[in-house]
Amino acid sequence: MKRLYIAAMLLCALGAPLRSIAQDAEPTATPNPDPHVYTDPAMTFVAPADAVLLGRQQGSLDALSQDLQTVAVWVLRPGKEDARTITLAMEAYGGPPNQWEGQFESQEHSTQEGVLIRNKTAMTLKNGMPAYFVEVAYGSGFDARKQYSIVWADGQRGVVLSETERLGDAGPEEARRVLSDVSAVRYPVDQP
């Protein structure tokens, strides 16, 4: 009986510090997602290291409409006169992938006046997904802008990844470099 009493006292004596340590331990924080990465079930884009995330939202297919919706925006050279933006936009689109680029052009023309679309070039994303590289110019004078867009369709969405700048600030090769780290696949049918 004496041994049982001593063992119980030792357990109580050892248990108090352990309980105190367990109560003092802070939970580890969930790491924030990398501000340079946008990923969903059908695509991944990694913005350049010097890009600053302005906003990002994750949505479902059900939330997409027939109009392009911006889901992420980064800025290069924030606060500078030659700042450039990277925009990721998408809309619900279940039509043939090779017809999405034409629909994108039509939407660009209908959103503002004076849009000039040129140098539409077939290309592939990093993993081989077919896409188009499209140059869009709009505005006039000091407000003239150039938008370089990579457009593709994944079976459920039409997707546009663009770099926009003042006319003459960078050019198509720089835009291709900035937008190059993107891969996509057909949207999985079992994903919302």
Protein backbone atom coordinates (compact mmCIF):
# COMPACT_ATOMS: atom_id res chain seq x y z
CA MET A 1 0.00 0.00 0.00
CA LYS A 2 2.87 2.30 0.86
CA ARG A 3 4.42 1.73 -2.61
CA LEU A 4 1.13 2.57 -4.34
CA TYR A 5 0.87 5.79 -2.34
CA ILE A 6 4.47 6.81 -3.27
CA ALA A 7 3.87 5.99 -6.96
CA ALA A 8 0.68 8.10 -6.97
CA MET A 9 2.53 11.02 -5.37
CA LEU A 10 5.34 10.80 -7.96
CA LEU A 11 2.83 10.78 -10.82
CA CYS A 12 1.11 13.85 -9.40
CA ALA A 13 4.43 15.63 -8.92
CA LEU A 14 5.58 14.85 -12.47
CA GLY A 15 2.17 15.49 -14.04
CA ALA A 16 1.86 19.09 -12.82
CA PRO A 17 4.89 20.40 -14.77
CA LEU A 18 3.86 18.45 -17.89
CA ARG A 19 0.33 19.84 -17.72
CA SER A 20 1.77 23.35 -17.28
CA ILE A 21 4.04 22.92 -20.31
CA ALA A 22 1.14 21.65 -22.40
CA GLN A 23 -0.99 24.63 -21.39
CA ASP A 24 1.80 27.10 -22.16
CA ALA A 25 2.52 25.73 -25.64
CA GLU A 26 1.23 28.08 -28.32
CA PRO A 27 -0.47 26.58 -31.33
CA THR A 28 1.57 26.86 -34.51
CA ALA A 29 0.15 29.26 -37.03
CA THR A 30 -1.10 28.02 -40.36
CA PRO A 31 1.33 29.33 -42.96
CA ASN A 32 -0.04 31.98 -45.30
CA PRO A 33 -0.22 31.01 -48.95
CA ASP A 34 2.68 32.25 -51.05
CA PRO A 35 1.63 35.69 -52.34
CA HIS A 36 3.28 34.95 -55.69
CA VAL A 37 1.26 31.79 -56.39
CA TYR A 38 -2.29 31.36 -57.63
CA THR A 39 -3.42 27.76 -57.84
CA ASP A 40 -6.72 25.98 -58.34
CA PRO A 41 -7.75 22.49 -59.55
CA ALA A 42 -6.87 23.29 -63.20
CA MET A 43 -4.03 25.82 -63.16
CA THR A 44 -1.03 27.27 -61.36
CA PHE A 45 0.59 30.65 -61.96
CA VAL A 46 3.69 31.90 -60.19
CA ALA A 47 4.22 35.66 -60.42
CA PRO A 48 7.79 36.98 -60.58
CA ALA A 49 9.60 37.43 -57.26
CA ASP A 50 9.42 41.24 -57.53
CA ALA A 51 5.63 41.25 -58.04
CA VAL A 52 3.48 42.53 -55.16
CA LEU A 53 0.09 40.89 -54.61
CA LEU A 54 -2.75 43.43 -54.53
CA GLY A 55 -5.57 40.92 -54.17
CA ARG A 56 -6.51 37.31 -54.72
CA GLN A 57 -9.71 35.35 -54.31
CA GLN A 58 -10.52 31.68 -54.64
CA GLY A 59 -13.89 30.91 -56.10
CA SER A 60 -15.86 28.04 -57.44
CA LEU A 61 -17.06 27.35 -60.96
CA ASP A 62 -20.59 28.17 -59.81
CA ALA A 63 -19.51 31.72 -58.92
CA LEU A 64 -18.29 32.46 -62.46
CA SER A 65 -20.54 34.31 -64.90
CA GLN A 66 -20.40 34.82 -68.66
CA ASP A 67 -18.21 37.90 -68.11
CA LEU A 68 -14.55 37.94 -67.17
CA GLN A 69 -14.01 38.28 -63.42
CA THR A 70 -10.66 39.26 -61.95
CA VAL A 71 -9.43 36.68 -59.44
CA ALA A 72 -5.88 37.95 -58.78
CA VAL A 73 -3.83 41.10 -59.35
CA TRP A 74 -0.12 41.76 -58.84
CA VAL A 75 1.88 44.92 -59.54
CA LEU A 76 5.46 45.20 -60.75
CA ARG A 77 7.39 48.33 -59.72
CA PRO A 78 4.61 49.64 -57.44
CA GLY A 79 4.57 53.39 -57.00
CA LYS A 80 6.82 53.98 -60.00
CA GLU A 81 5.81 55.80 -63.15
CA ASP A 82 6.37 52.65 -65.21
CA ALA A 83 4.45 50.30 -62.87
CA ARG A 84 2.90 47.31 -64.64
CA THR A 85 0.06 45.04 -63.54
CA ILE A 86 -0.45 41.32 -63.88
CA THR A 87 -4.11 40.29 -63.88
CA LEU A 88 -5.68 36.84 -63.82
CA ALA A 89 -9.31 36.76 -64.94
CA MET A 90 -11.73 33.99 -65.83
CA GLU A 91 -15.32 33.34 -66.83
CA ALA A 92 -17.60 30.36 -67.27
CA TYR A 93 -16.95 28.88 -70.72
CA GLY A 94 -17.80 25.35 -71.80
CA GLY A 95 -17.39 25.82 -75.55
CA PRO A 96 -14.61 24.53 -77.79
CA PRO A 97 -11.21 25.64 -76.45
CA ASN A 98 -10.09 26.87 -79.88
CA GLN A 99 -13.02 29.32 -80.01
CA TRP A 100 -12.36 30.97 -76.64
CA GLU A 101 -9.76 33.37 -78.05
CA GLY A 102 -12.33 34.79 -80.51
CA GLN A 103 -14.80 35.32 -77.67
CA PHE A 104 -12.07 37.07 -75.66
CA GLU A 105 -11.43 39.44 -78.59
CA SER A 106 -15.14 40.20 -78.91
CA GLN A 107 -15.36 41.04 -75.20
CA GLU A 108 -12.32 43.31 -75.38
CA HIS A 109 -13.89 45.26 -78.25
CA SER A 110 -17.20 45.63 -76.39
CA THR A 111 -15.71 46.85 -73.09
CA GLN A 112 -14.09 50.01 -74.44
CA GLU A 113 -13.62 52.04 -77.60
CA GLY A 114 -10.46 52.21 -79.64
CA VAL A 115 -9.28 48.67 -78.92
CA LEU A 116 -6.72 47.33 -81.37
CA ILE A 117 -5.98 43.61 -81.21
CA ARG A 118 -3.00 42.32 -83.14
CA ASN A 119 -0.22 39.76 -83.22
CA LYS A 120 -2.38 36.85 -82.08
CA THR A 121 0.07 33.94 -81.81
CA ALA A 122 -0.62 30.28 -80.99
CA MET A 123 1.58 29.05 -78.14
CA THR A 124 1.69 26.48 -75.36
CA LEU A 125 1.86 26.98 -71.62
CA LYS A 126 4.75 25.61 -69.56
CA ASN A 127 3.21 22.13 -69.48
CA GLY A 128 2.05 22.04 -73.12
CA MET A 129 -1.54 23.32 -72.75
CA PRO A 130 -2.54 25.15 -75.97
CA ALA A 131 -3.06 28.90 -75.62
CA TYR A 132 -2.78 32.18 -77.53
CA PHE A 133 -0.56 35.19 -76.89
CA VAL A 134 -2.53 38.32 -77.84
CA GLU A 135 -1.47 41.98 -77.94
CA VAL A 136 -4.21 44.50 -77.12
CA ALA A 137 -3.72 48.28 -77.37
CA TYR A 138 -6.23 50.81 -76.07
CA GLY A 139 -6.49 54.43 -74.98
CA SER A 140 -4.78 57.44 -76.50
CA GLY A 141 -2.10 59.96 -75.65
CA PHE A 142 -0.71 59.68 -72.14
CA ASP A 143 -3.44 57.15 -71.29
CA ALA A 144 -2.43 54.70 -74.04
CA ARG A 145 -1.92 51.19 -72.67
CA LYS A 146 -0.68 47.90 -74.03
CA GLN A 147 -1.99 44.62 -72.66
CA TYR A 148 -0.24 41.34 -73.41
CA SER A 149 -2.53 38.41 -72.70
CA ILE A 150 -2.21 34.65 -72.61
CA VAL A 151 -5.67 33.16 -73.19
CA TRP A 152 -6.84 29.55 -72.95
CA ALA A 153 -9.91 27.48 -72.11
CA ASP A 154 -9.89 24.49 -69.78
CA GLY A 155 -13.26 22.92 -70.59
CA GLN A 156 -15.16 24.83 -67.88
CA ARG A 157 -13.61 28.31 -67.97
CA GLY A 158 -12.06 30.82 -70.29
CA VAL A 159 -8.89 32.15 -68.65
CA VAL A 160 -6.92 35.35 -69.35
CA LEU A 161 -3.53 36.07 -67.79
CA SER A 162 -2.43 39.61 -68.72
CA GLU A 163 0.38 42.06 -68.20
CA THR A 164 -0.67 45.70 -68.73
CA GLU A 165 1.71 48.63 -69.11
CA ARG A 166 2.02 52.11 -70.53
CA LEU A 167 2.60 51.98 -74.26
CA GLY A 168 6.33 51.48 -74.84
CA ASP A 169 7.38 50.63 -71.27
CA ALA A 170 8.42 47.00 -71.69
CA GLY A 171 7.22 45.06 -74.72
CA PRO A 172 6.06 41.59 -75.71
CA GLU A 173 9.23 39.69 -74.77
CA GLU A 174 9.22 41.11 -71.25
CA ALA A 175 5.51 40.30 -70.95
CA ARG A 176 6.15 36.70 -72.05
CA ARG A 177 8.86 36.42 -69.41
CA VAL A 178 6.63 37.85 -66.66
CA LEU A 179 3.70 35.57 -67.59
CA SER A 180 5.72 32.44 -68.45
CA ASP A 181 5.39 30.47 -65.20
CA VAL A 182 1.87 29.20 -65.85
CA SER A 183 0.58 25.69 -66.39
CA ALA A 184 -2.96 24.44 -66.88
CA VAL A 185 -4.96 21.29 -67.56
CA ARG A 186 -8.58 20.53 -68.39
CA TYR A 187 -10.72 21.39 -65.37
CA PRO A 188 -11.41 18.17 -63.43
CA VAL A 189 -15.09 17.21 -63.69
CA ASP A 190 -15.27 16.12 -60.04
CA GLN A 191 -14.22 19.55 -58.71
CA PRO A 192 -16.70 22.30 -57.79
